[in-house]
N, C-alpha and C. Protein backbone atom coordinates (compact mmCIF):
# COMPACT_ATOMS: atom_id res chain seq x y z
N UNK A 1 3.49 4.40 2.75
CA UNK A 1 4.76 4.31 1.99
C UNK A 1 5.13 2.98 1.50
N UNK A 2 5.95 2.81 0.29
CA UNK A 2 6.73 1.33 0.39
C UNK A 2 8.11 1.08 0.92
N UNK A 3 7.94 -0.02 1.33
CA UNK A 3 9.09 0.32 1.84
C UNK A 3 10.64 0.65 1.33
N UNK A 4 10.56 0.47 -0.10
CA UNK A 4 11.79 0.82 -1.28
C UNK A 4 11.41 1.68 -2.27
N UNK A 5 11.79 2.67 -2.09
CA UNK A 5 11.15 3.68 -3.41
C UNK A 5 12.65 3.58 -4.32
N UNK A 6 12.55 4.16 -5.70
CA UNK A 6 13.38 4.71 -6.21
C UNK A 6 13.11 5.54 -7.23
N UNK A 7 14.26 6.45 -8.00
CA UNK A 7 14.19 7.44 -8.94
C UNK A 7 15.45 7.48 -9.44
N UNK A 8 15.10 7.83 -10.62
CA UNK A 8 16.29 7.97 -11.89
C UNK A 8 17.11 9.07 -11.57
N UNK A 9 18.46 9.12 -11.80
CA UNK A 9 19.16 10.44 -11.45
C UNK A 9 20.39 10.45 -12.18
N UNK A 10 20.74 11.15 -13.33
CA UNK A 10 20.86 11.13 -14.44
C UNK A 10 22.50 11.65 -13.97
N UNK A 11 23.97 11.20 -14.15
CA UNK A 11 24.84 11.94 -13.61
C UNK A 11 25.68 12.72 -14.68
N UNK A 12 26.14 13.28 -14.65
CA UNK A 12 27.19 14.28 -14.93
C UNK A 12 28.51 14.33 -14.56
N UNK A 13 29.21 14.10 -15.11
CA UNK A 13 30.61 13.62 -15.02
C UNK A 13 31.30 14.42 -16.15
N UNK A 14 32.06 15.56 -15.33
CA UNK A 14 33.68 16.47 -15.92
C UNK A 14 34.77 15.63 -16.43
N UNK A 15 35.44 16.44 -17.64
CA UNK A 15 36.35 15.58 -17.93
C UNK A 15 36.79 16.96 -18.19
N UNK A 16 38.08 17.40 -17.64
CA UNK A 16 38.90 18.39 -17.50
C UNK A 16 40.34 18.24 -17.97
N UNK A 17 41.56 18.95 -18.55
CA UNK A 17 42.31 18.87 -18.67
C UNK A 17 43.37 18.55 -17.59
N UNK A 18 44.23 18.10 -17.42
CA UNK A 18 45.19 17.78 -16.46
C UNK A 18 46.27 18.82 -16.39
N UNK A 19 46.71 19.75 -15.11
CA UNK A 19 47.77 20.26 -15.14
C UNK A 19 49.17 19.10 -14.53
N UNK A 20 48.87 17.88 -14.66
CA UNK A 20 49.91 17.20 -13.96
C UNK A 20 50.51 16.33 -15.27
N UNK A 21 51.80 16.76 -15.39
CA UNK A 21 52.83 16.03 -16.44
C UNK A 21 52.08 13.99 -16.68
N UNK A 22 51.82 13.58 -15.42
CA UNK A 22 51.46 12.47 -15.50
C UNK A 22 49.88 11.69 -16.08
N UNK A 23 48.89 12.20 -16.16
CA UNK A 23 48.29 12.37 -16.80
C UNK A 23 47.69 13.28 -17.78
N UNK A 24 46.49 13.11 -18.38
CA UNK A 24 45.81 13.74 -19.33
C UNK A 24 44.84 14.58 -18.98
N UNK A 25 44.24 13.98 -18.47
CA UNK A 25 42.24 13.68 -17.80
C UNK A 25 42.17 13.70 -16.47
N UNK A 26 41.09 14.60 -15.68
CA UNK A 26 40.88 14.41 -14.74
C UNK A 26 38.98 14.17 -14.81
N UNK A 27 38.98 13.07 -14.38
CA UNK A 27 37.56 12.89 -14.20
C UNK A 27 36.87 13.24 -13.06
N UNK A 28 35.40 13.46 -13.28
CA UNK A 28 34.57 13.59 -12.09
C UNK A 28 33.47 14.30 -12.31
N UNK A 29 32.37 12.97 -10.76
CA UNK A 29 31.25 13.70 -11.28
C UNK A 29 31.03 15.11 -10.81
N UNK A 30 30.63 15.58 -11.14
CA UNK A 30 29.86 17.06 -10.98
C UNK A 30 28.32 17.38 -11.23
N UNK A 31 27.27 16.77 -10.85
CA UNK A 31 26.07 16.99 -10.98
C UNK A 31 25.10 15.41 -11.22
N UNK A 32 23.76 16.10 -10.97
CA UNK A 32 22.99 14.87 -11.26
C UNK A 32 21.87 15.79 -11.34
N UNK A 33 20.83 15.07 -12.31
CA UNK A 33 20.17 15.31 -12.97
C UNK A 33 18.61 14.18 -12.44
N UNK A 34 18.01 14.74 -11.51
CA UNK A 34 16.83 14.02 -10.37
C UNK A 34 15.52 13.93 -11.81
N UNK A 35 15.16 12.39 -12.24
CA UNK A 35 14.10 12.20 -13.21
C UNK A 35 14.69 12.19 -14.35
N UNK A 36 15.92 11.88 -14.31
CA UNK A 36 16.73 11.72 -15.77
C UNK A 36 15.79 11.15 -16.70
N UNK A 37 16.14 10.35 -17.97
CA UNK A 37 15.34 9.53 -18.95
C UNK A 37 16.74 8.20 -19.12
N UNK A 38 16.60 7.40 -19.21
CA UNK A 38 17.44 6.08 -19.73
C UNK A 38 18.40 6.64 -20.42
N UNK A 39 19.48 6.12 -20.37
CA UNK A 39 20.80 6.68 -21.04
C UNK A 39 22.37 5.55 -20.66
N UNK A 40 22.13 4.96 -21.76
CA UNK A 40 23.43 3.75 -21.68
C UNK A 40 25.05 4.58 -22.19
N UNK A 41 24.70 5.58 -23.13
CA UNK A 41 25.96 5.53 -23.23
C UNK A 41 25.96 7.19 -23.19
N UNK A 42 27.13 8.06 -22.94
CA UNK A 42 27.67 8.98 -22.14
C UNK A 42 27.68 9.88 -23.78
N UNK A 43 26.34 11.47 -23.45
CA UNK A 43 26.05 12.01 -24.12
C UNK A 43 26.83 13.73 -23.35
N UNK A 44 27.55 13.83 -24.49
CA UNK A 44 28.10 15.50 -24.13
C UNK A 44 26.89 16.52 -24.25
N UNK A 45 26.84 17.32 -22.81
CA UNK A 45 26.08 18.51 -23.27
C UNK A 45 26.35 19.83 -22.38
N UNK A 46 27.31 19.91 -22.59
CA UNK A 46 28.52 21.05 -22.45
C UNK A 46 29.99 21.26 -22.43
N UNK A 47 30.57 22.10 -23.44
CA UNK A 47 32.23 22.17 -23.04
C UNK A 47 32.32 23.57 -23.18
N UNK A 48 33.96 23.54 -22.45
CA UNK A 48 34.61 24.77 -22.34
C UNK A 48 35.88 24.50 -22.87
N UNK A 49 36.35 25.73 -22.43
CA UNK A 49 38.28 25.71 -23.02
C UNK A 49 38.43 24.37 -21.73
N UNK A 50 38.76 23.36 -22.26
CA UNK A 50 39.65 22.41 -21.56
C UNK A 50 38.70 20.93 -20.60
N UNK A 51 37.46 21.64 -20.84
CA UNK A 51 36.78 20.79 -20.30
C UNK A 51 35.36 20.55 -21.09
N UNK A 52 34.92 19.68 -19.97
CA UNK A 52 33.66 18.69 -21.48
C UNK A 52 32.69 18.23 -20.04
N UNK A 53 31.49 18.59 -20.15
CA UNK A 53 30.64 17.85 -19.67
C UNK A 53 29.92 16.21 -20.13
N UNK A 54 29.19 15.44 -19.47
CA UNK A 54 28.57 14.24 -19.93
C UNK A 54 27.19 13.87 -19.15
N UNK A 55 26.60 13.80 -19.74
CA UNK A 55 25.34 12.97 -19.24
C UNK A 55 26.00 11.59 -19.02
N UNK A 56 26.51 10.92 -18.29
CA UNK A 56 27.04 9.89 -18.29
C UNK A 56 26.36 8.60 -18.29
N UNK A 57 25.26 8.42 -17.35
CA UNK A 57 24.68 7.25 -17.02
C UNK A 57 23.27 7.81 -16.43
N UNK A 58 22.22 7.12 -16.83
CA UNK A 58 21.06 7.61 -15.30
C UNK A 58 21.02 6.19 -14.62
N UNK A 59 21.33 6.04 -13.40
CA UNK A 59 21.28 5.29 -12.64
C UNK A 59 20.19 5.76 -11.37
N UNK A 60 19.56 4.50 -11.00
CA UNK A 60 18.59 4.25 -9.80
C UNK A 60 18.94 4.93 -8.53
N UNK A 61 18.43 5.91 -7.96
CA UNK A 61 18.77 6.38 -6.28
C UNK A 61 17.66 5.30 -5.85
N UNK A 62 17.80 4.09 -5.10
CA UNK A 62 16.88 3.35 -4.12
C UNK A 62 17.30 4.25 -2.89
N UNK A 63 15.99 4.30 -1.54
CA UNK A 63 16.10 4.66 -0.83
C UNK A 63 14.91 3.16 0.16
N UNK A 64 15.88 2.27 1.17
CA UNK A 64 15.55 0.86 1.66
C UNK A 64 15.07 1.75 3.48
N UNK A 65 14.19 1.06 3.30
CA UNK A 65 13.74 1.06 5.00
C UNK A 65 14.15 0.82 5.97
N UNK A 66 15.51 -0.29 5.79
CA UNK A 66 16.20 -0.40 6.75
C UNK A 66 17.53 0.55 7.07
N UNK A 67 17.81 1.27 5.94
CA UNK A 67 18.98 2.02 6.20
C UNK A 67 18.21 3.79 6.29
N UNK A 68 17.63 3.99 6.88
CA UNK A 68 16.68 5.62 7.68
C UNK A 68 18.26 5.86 8.21
N UNK A 69 18.73 5.35 9.25
CA UNK A 69 19.56 5.61 10.01
C UNK A 69 20.39 6.80 9.47
N UNK A 70 21.52 6.18 8.04
CA UNK A 70 22.38 6.89 7.40
C UNK A 70 21.59 7.83 6.52
N UNK A 71 20.39 7.95 6.14
CA UNK A 71 19.49 9.21 5.52
C UNK A 71 19.71 10.15 5.94
N UNK A 72 18.96 9.90 7.73
CA UNK A 72 18.90 11.19 8.76
C UNK A 72 20.73 11.46 8.92
N UNK A 73 21.29 10.49 8.73
CA UNK A 73 22.75 11.55 8.93
C UNK A 73 23.21 12.87 7.85
N UNK A 74 22.90 11.85 6.17
CA UNK A 74 22.78 12.82 5.39
C UNK A 74 21.91 14.22 5.52
N UNK A 75 20.76 13.96 5.73
CA UNK A 75 19.65 15.45 6.02
C UNK A 75 20.41 15.85 7.07
N UNK A 76 20.64 15.73 8.36
CA UNK A 76 21.78 16.39 9.33
C UNK A 76 22.60 17.38 8.87
N UNK A 77 23.62 16.91 7.59
CA UNK A 77 24.67 17.71 7.54
C UNK A 77 24.36 19.03 6.94
N UNK A 78 25.53 19.64 6.85
CA UNK A 78 25.17 21.17 6.19
C UNK A 78 24.04 20.99 5.07
N UNK A 79 24.44 20.19 4.02
CA UNK A 79 24.21 20.02 3.15
C UNK A 79 24.29 18.36 2.16
N UNK A 80 23.08 18.20 2.44
CA UNK A 80 22.71 16.49 2.47
C UNK A 80 23.46 16.45 0.39
N UNK A 81 23.93 15.49 0.31
CA UNK A 81 24.60 15.02 -1.01
C UNK A 81 24.10 13.88 -1.68
N UNK A 82 24.03 13.74 -2.56
CA UNK A 82 24.02 12.17 -3.61
C UNK A 82 25.33 12.16 -3.35
N UNK A 83 26.00 10.51 -3.30
CA UNK A 83 27.20 10.41 -3.44
C UNK A 83 27.01 8.95 -4.79
N UNK A 84 28.32 10.02 -5.87
CA UNK A 84 28.12 9.06 -6.95
C UNK A 84 29.62 8.33 -7.01
N UNK A 85 29.26 7.08 -7.65
CA UNK A 85 30.67 6.28 -7.71
C UNK A 85 31.17 6.02 -8.80
N UNK A 86 32.05 6.34 -10.01
CA UNK A 86 32.79 5.95 -10.85
C UNK A 86 33.49 4.53 -10.89
N UNK A 87 33.74 3.78 -11.80
CA UNK A 87 34.29 2.64 -11.33
C UNK A 87 35.40 2.57 -13.06
N UNK A 88 36.22 2.49 -12.53
CA UNK A 88 37.20 2.29 -13.45
C UNK A 88 36.58 1.16 -15.26
N UNK A 89 36.75 1.23 -16.32
CA UNK A 89 35.57 0.05 -17.14
C UNK A 89 36.78 -0.86 -17.08
N UNK A 90 38.23 -1.16 -17.04
CA UNK A 90 38.69 -1.58 -17.06
C UNK A 90 39.02 -2.65 -18.53
N UNK A 91 38.49 -1.79 -19.39
CA UNK A 91 38.43 -2.34 -21.40
C UNK A 91 39.44 -1.86 -22.19
N UNK A 92 40.05 -0.83 -21.40
CA UNK A 92 41.35 -0.55 -22.24
C UNK A 92 40.69 1.06 -23.09
N UNK A 93 39.35 1.28 -23.12
CA UNK A 93 38.50 2.48 -23.57
C UNK A 93 39.40 3.57 -22.93
N UNK A 94 39.59 4.66 -23.65
CA UNK A 94 40.58 5.47 -23.25
C UNK A 94 39.83 7.13 -23.86
N UNK A 95 38.73 7.00 -24.24
CA UNK A 95 37.37 7.76 -24.60
C UNK A 95 36.80 8.47 -23.04
N UNK A 96 36.31 7.11 -22.22
CA UNK A 96 35.83 6.98 -20.81
C UNK A 96 36.47 6.22 -20.69
N UNK A 97 37.15 6.57 -19.52
CA UNK A 97 37.88 5.05 -19.04
C UNK A 97 36.82 4.62 -17.62
N UNK A 98 35.57 5.68 -17.52
CA UNK A 98 34.98 5.20 -16.36
C UNK A 98 33.90 4.57 -16.60
N UNK A 99 33.11 4.09 -15.91
CA UNK A 99 31.44 4.01 -15.93
C UNK A 99 30.78 4.13 -14.32
N UNK A 100 29.79 4.95 -14.66
CA UNK A 100 29.02 4.96 -13.68
C UNK A 100 28.07 4.19 -12.90
N UNK A 101 29.16 3.74 -11.28
CA UNK A 101 28.86 2.81 -10.67
C UNK A 101 27.49 2.57 -10.29
N UNK A 102 27.49 3.57 -9.16
CA UNK A 102 25.93 3.93 -8.34
C UNK A 102 26.08 5.41 -8.30
N UNK A 103 24.74 5.43 -7.12
CA UNK A 103 24.59 6.26 -6.74
C UNK A 103 23.84 5.66 -5.39
N UNK A 104 24.34 6.93 -4.30
CA UNK A 104 23.46 6.28 -3.17
C UNK A 104 23.43 7.66 -2.45
N UNK A 105 22.49 8.22 -0.98
CA UNK A 105 22.29 8.55 -0.28
C UNK A 105 22.84 8.69 1.11
N UNK A 106 23.26 7.46 1.03
CA UNK A 106 24.07 6.60 2.41
C UNK A 106 25.55 7.20 2.76
N UNK A 107 25.60 8.33 3.40
CA UNK A 107 26.89 8.00 3.15
C UNK A 107 28.17 6.82 4.28
N UNK A 108 27.46 5.71 4.48
CA UNK A 108 27.94 4.85 5.44
C UNK A 108 28.16 4.24 4.12
N UNK A 109 27.23 3.95 3.13
CA UNK A 109 27.89 2.96 2.08
C UNK A 109 28.55 3.37 1.15
N UNK A 110 28.78 5.36 1.25
CA UNK A 110 29.86 5.86 0.26
C UNK A 110 31.29 5.44 0.88
N UNK A 111 31.00 5.78 2.11
CA UNK A 111 32.18 5.82 3.08
C UNK A 111 32.98 4.21 2.83
N UNK A 112 31.77 3.50 2.82
CA UNK A 112 32.77 1.79 2.23
C UNK A 112 33.48 1.77 1.18
N UNK A 113 32.71 2.52 0.27
CA UNK A 113 33.35 2.76 -1.74
C UNK A 113 34.74 3.01 -0.78
N UNK A 114 34.62 4.24 -0.37
CA UNK A 114 35.83 4.95 -0.48
C UNK A 114 37.28 4.55 0.15
N UNK A 115 36.60 3.42 1.23
CA UNK A 115 37.51 3.57 2.23
C UNK A 115 38.60 1.95 1.21
N UNK A 116 37.75 1.48 0.35
CA UNK A 116 38.65 0.15 -0.81
C UNK A 116 39.36 1.02 -1.84
N UNK A 117 38.66 2.24 -2.25
CA UNK A 117 40.25 2.99 -2.45
C UNK A 117 40.49 2.73 -4.31
N UNK A 118 39.05 2.06 -4.61
CA UNK A 118 39.51 1.92 -6.25
C UNK A 118 38.61 2.67 -7.03
N UNK A 119 37.73 3.01 -6.32
CA UNK A 119 36.43 4.19 -6.94
C UNK A 119 36.70 5.53 -6.97
N UNK A 120 35.81 6.37 -8.10
CA UNK A 120 36.12 7.72 -7.32
C UNK A 120 35.12 8.36 -7.11
N UNK A 121 34.46 8.50 -5.52
CA UNK A 121 33.27 8.89 -4.66
C UNK A 121 33.09 10.40 -5.01
N UNK A 122 31.81 11.23 -5.03
CA UNK A 122 32.07 12.33 -4.99
C UNK A 122 30.67 12.63 -4.19
N UNK A 123 30.75 14.15 -3.36
CA UNK A 123 29.60 14.21 -3.34
C UNK A 123 28.75 15.14 -3.93
N UNK A 124 27.55 15.29 -4.37
CA UNK A 124 26.99 15.86 -5.19
C UNK A 124 25.85 16.28 -4.00
N UNK A 125 25.92 18.01 -4.08
CA UNK A 125 24.41 18.79 -3.47
C UNK A 125 22.92 17.90 -3.89
N UNK A 126 22.42 17.82 -2.81
CA UNK A 126 20.93 17.52 -3.19
C UNK A 126 20.24 19.19 -3.53
N UNK A 127 19.32 18.42 -4.61
CA UNK A 127 18.22 19.30 -4.85
C UNK A 127 17.09 19.77 -4.15
N UNK A 128 16.67 20.91 -3.81
CA UNK A 128 15.92 21.01 -2.38
C UNK A 128 15.14 19.83 -3.06
N UNK A 129 14.39 19.49 -3.55
CA UNK A 129 13.21 18.71 -4.37
C UNK A 129 13.83 16.86 -3.92
N UNK A 130 14.75 16.71 -3.98
CA UNK A 130 15.10 15.72 -3.46
C UNK A 130 15.64 15.45 -2.09
N UNK A 131 15.61 16.36 -1.30
CA UNK A 131 15.52 16.84 -0.06
C UNK A 131 14.61 16.32 0.48
N UNK A 132 13.52 17.23 0.13
CA UNK A 132 11.77 16.96 0.31
C UNK A 132 11.46 14.61 0.09
N UNK A 133 12.01 14.64 -1.05
CA UNK A 133 11.86 13.51 -1.46
C UNK A 133 12.12 12.10 -0.01
N UNK A 134 13.68 12.20 0.14
CA UNK A 134 14.36 11.95 1.15
C UNK A 134 13.55 11.53 2.50
N UNK A 135 13.26 13.38 2.98
CA UNK A 135 12.89 13.34 4.20
C UNK A 135 11.41 12.60 4.51
N UNK A 136 10.79 12.90 3.22
CA UNK A 136 9.52 12.49 3.13
C UNK A 136 9.70 10.57 3.71
N UNK A 137 10.78 10.31 2.46
CA UNK A 137 10.79 8.46 3.12
C UNK A 137 11.28 8.42 4.62
N UNK A 138 12.19 9.06 5.07
CA UNK A 138 12.45 9.17 6.73
C UNK A 138 11.56 9.21 7.48
N UNK A 139 10.73 9.89 7.27
CA UNK A 139 9.47 10.51 8.14
C UNK A 139 8.44 9.26 8.24
N UNK A 140 8.44 8.56 6.85
CA UNK A 140 7.35 7.48 7.25
C UNK A 140 7.78 6.14 7.71
N UNK A 141 9.56 6.04 7.59
CA UNK A 141 9.98 5.00 8.14
C UNK A 141 10.87 4.53 9.24
N UNK A 142 11.62 5.77 9.49
CA UNK A 142 12.58 5.67 10.43
C UNK A 142 12.26 5.34 11.82
N UNK A 143 12.00 4.84 12.53
CA UNK A 143 12.13 4.18 14.27
C UNK A 143 13.65 4.54 14.23
N UNK A 144 13.58 5.56 16.01
CA UNK A 144 14.31 6.12 16.48
C UNK A 144 14.77 4.65 17.70
N UNK A 145 15.82 3.89 17.45
CA UNK A 145 16.42 2.84 18.49
C UNK A 145 16.97 3.82 19.93
N UNK A 146 16.64 3.34 20.67
CA UNK A 146 16.67 3.73 22.07
C UNK A 146 18.43 3.15 22.42
N UNK A 147 19.10 4.31 22.90
CA UNK A 147 20.55 3.29 23.34
C UNK A 147 20.37 2.51 24.14
N UNK A 148 21.15 1.28 24.36
CA UNK A 148 20.49 0.16 25.38
C UNK A 148 22.54 0.16 25.47
N UNK A 149 22.89 0.37 27.16
CA UNK A 149 24.04 0.07 27.44
C UNK A 149 24.27 -1.28 27.64
N UNK A 150 25.60 -2.01 27.13
CA UNK A 150 25.52 -3.31 27.62
C UNK A 150 25.86 -3.04 29.00
N UNK A 151 25.36 -4.57 29.79
CA UNK A 151 26.30 -4.81 30.96
C UNK A 151 27.04 -5.61 30.99
N UNK A 152 28.42 -5.47 31.74
CA UNK A 152 29.28 -6.58 31.69
C UNK A 152 28.83 -7.54 32.91
N UNK A 153 29.72 -8.78 32.45
CA UNK A 153 29.11 -10.14 33.36
C UNK A 153 30.76 -9.65 34.06
N UNK A 154 30.24 -10.31 35.45
CA UNK A 154 31.38 -10.76 36.18
C UNK A 154 31.96 -12.14 35.96
N UNK A 155 33.06 -12.36 35.25
CA UNK A 155 33.13 -13.52 35.44
C UNK A 155 34.41 -14.66 36.55
N UNK A 156 34.23 -13.05 37.35
CA UNK A 156 35.14 -13.36 38.41
C UNK A 156 34.01 -14.40 39.50
N UNK A 157 33.19 -14.22 39.21
CA UNK A 157 31.31 -14.97 39.80
C UNK A 157 31.55 -16.70 39.24
N UNK A 158 32.02 -17.15 37.74
CA UNK A 158 32.15 -17.64 36.78
C UNK A 158 31.88 -18.99 38.18
N UNK A 159 30.41 -19.80 38.07
CA UNK A 159 30.93 -21.31 38.79
C UNK A 159 31.49 -22.35 38.54
N UNK A 160 32.21 -23.13 39.01
CA UNK A 160 33.32 -23.85 38.72
C UNK A 160 32.31 -25.22 37.30
N UNK A 161 32.62 -25.85 36.95
CA UNK A 161 32.26 -26.22 35.83
C UNK A 161 33.17 -28.13 35.44
N UNK A 162 32.10 -28.49 35.17
CA UNK A 162 33.33 -29.94 34.55
C UNK A 162 34.55 -29.96 35.54
N UNK A 163 34.52 -30.10 36.70
CA UNK A 163 35.13 -30.43 37.57
C UNK A 163 36.11 -29.61 37.89
N UNK A 164 36.62 -28.18 37.05
CA UNK A 164 37.61 -27.24 37.42
C UNK A 164 37.54 -26.19 37.65
N UNK A 165 38.60 -25.72 38.41
CA UNK A 165 37.77 -24.08 39.00
C UNK A 165 38.22 -23.21 37.66
N UNK A 166 37.63 -22.45 37.54
CA UNK A 166 37.09 -21.47 36.42
C UNK A 166 38.61 -20.39 36.03
N UNK A 167 39.05 -20.32 35.49
CA UNK A 167 40.37 -19.07 34.52
C UNK A 167 40.90 -18.43 36.03
N UNK A 168 39.83 -17.47 35.79
CA UNK A 168 39.78 -16.45 36.56
C UNK A 168 40.24 -16.19 37.94
N UNK A 169 39.91 -17.82 38.58
CA UNK A 169 40.28 -17.88 39.96
C UNK A 169 41.83 -19.06 40.36
N UNK A 170 42.42 -19.30 38.59
CA UNK A 170 44.06 -19.02 39.05
C UNK A 170 44.88 -18.11 38.51
N UNK A 171 45.88 -18.00 39.36
CA UNK A 171 46.52 -17.30 39.82
C UNK A 171 47.77 -17.33 39.06
N UNK A 172 48.77 -18.57 39.43
CA UNK A 172 49.76 -18.57 39.47
C UNK A 172 50.09 -19.25 37.77
N UNK A 173 51.39 -19.53 37.67
CA UNK A 173 51.44 -20.20 35.79
C UNK A 173 51.53 -21.38 36.19
N UNK A 174 51.23 -22.20 36.69
CA UNK A 174 51.64 -23.46 37.00
C UNK A 174 50.03 -23.90 37.57
N UNK A 175 49.22 -23.13 37.86
CA UNK A 175 48.49 -23.57 37.66
C UNK A 175 47.10 -23.55 36.40
N UNK A 176 47.77 -22.77 35.50
CA UNK A 176 47.48 -22.36 33.89
C UNK A 176 47.84 -23.82 33.09
N UNK A 177 48.56 -24.60 34.18
CA UNK A 177 48.88 -25.89 32.93
C UNK A 177 50.44 -25.26 32.27
N UNK A 178 51.20 -24.74 32.74
CA UNK A 178 52.18 -24.13 32.29
C UNK A 178 53.31 -23.97 33.44
N UNK A 179 54.29 -24.30 32.96
CA UNK A 179 55.86 -24.59 33.89
C UNK A 179 56.25 -23.06 34.40
N UNK A 180 56.05 -23.19 35.81
CA UNK A 180 56.54 -21.28 36.55
C UNK A 180 58.01 -21.61 36.43
N UNK A 181 58.47 -20.27 35.63
CA UNK A 181 59.76 -20.14 36.19
C UNK A 181 60.51 -20.13 37.04
N UNK A 182 59.45 -19.73 38.24
CA UNK A 182 59.85 -20.10 39.56
C UNK A 182 60.54 -21.56 39.96
N UNK A 183 60.39 -22.48 39.48
CA UNK A 183 60.81 -23.63 39.73
C UNK A 183 62.41 -24.23 38.69
């Protein structure tokens, strides 16, 4: 299997009437469409009383052989997820003020983006076929690294270097080259 594989995922974004007096609409990723065709503009796919669903974009879900530890963590969750990220367009567009920035199967990458606090990051449950696709990739590439406990170095046994006593052998303030309060 290749060290990197990609699958196109359509991202479904919901626009819902807000109950807040400060904003009119709440925007939230609510679904994915595995294998969706290319999409650059938003396509309305469903609507109801106070809400609309859009196929907002099709983004590549890429799996990298160096990130298998993150995928193992994701697959071990009760509900494996795809993390979708919406980012502000910053162009004043009020009809669709967000763009789909990315999709990822790595909870570590999603956490990094969530910590920044500038994006809308949502977990979307993975369909069974996508879980199998990620699991096959992990089975082919994941290498469990054994835990290695670091051994502490005892600096008190440090040899004398450059004609000076090691700092850990010095006991008084005056030995460190600082004035001693006792004097």
